[in-house]
Amino acid sequence: MAALPAPDAPRTAALASSLRLTLSETQARGLPTYVDQLVRWNATYNLTAVRERDAVWVQHIADCLAVLPALDRHLDRHLDRHLAHTAPSQRVLDVGSGGGLPGVLLALMRPALDVTCVDTVGKKAAFIRQVAGALALPNLHAAHSRVEALKLPPFGLITSRAFASLADFTRLTRPLLAPGGVWMAMKGRSPDDEIAALPRDIDVFHVEQLQVPGLDAERCLVWMQPKGP
C-alpha cells in the first residue's frame, strides 16, 4: 500500500492524539483516503460546501470524530456486546448524510456498528457506496431515499448533522427507531429554541458540549429518546 501524503500522517496522528483516539493501521490510512475521495468527488458532485483539503480535515473530519468519546460512553452503557452485529442496538442510521458525515467515519472508526447513510440525492448515495468499497467497509451502507419513505429494520441509534430541526428530525425518523433506541443530533451551539419546540413525548436527556480540535466554534450533541408510557 502506498505511503500517506506527507502532511496526512502527522495530521492524522495529531488529531487522534487530541481526541484520545487509538487508531489501527486501517483507520490511520482510511481517514486520509476518505478525505481524498471527498475532495475528488466534491469537485464534480458538490457533496459539501467545504472544498479545501485543510478545511475538510477541521470542519468535517475533526468535527465528526469529536463525537466518538461521547458515543463510546453511550455504547458502553447500553450496548449488549453479546448481540449479533445486526441487532437493533448496533444499527446506526445517519440521516441526510450528504458526503457520509458522520456515517462513514462512524463505520470506519467503530467497525462493530452497522451504519446506513440515507440521502435524497442519488449521487451522494453513490459516493458513499464508492467509499464503502474504497475503504473495505462491509458495515457501511447507502440508501437513496427520503427518510420517511425508508423501509428498513429499526435502528438503535439515529444521528444527523445539521439535517433539520430537532422536531422534524425526530418526527421523520421515529418509525425507524428501535425500542430503547436514542437520537444523537449534532448541532452547533445548544439549540434551546428547538428543544423547547419538541413534542412532550420526547425526552432530551443530555446536551453534551464538544471540543473540536482546530475549530473555534461551538459544537454539541443533543441526546433524545421517546418518553415511556
Foldseek 3Di string as FASTA:
>chain_A
DDDDPVVLQVLLVVLCVVLVHDDDPLLSVLVVVLLVLCLVVCVPPVLDPDRDSVCCCFVAVLLQVLCVVVVVVVCVVDPDVVDQLPPQQQEEEEEQCRQNVPNVVCCSRPVSHQYEYEHQDPVSQVSQVVSCVVSVRPSYHYHNDHLLPDDDAAHQEYEYEPPDQPQVVCVSCVVRHDVNHKYKYKDFPDPVVSVVPHDPQKDQPDKAWTDGPPDPTTIIITIIDGHDD
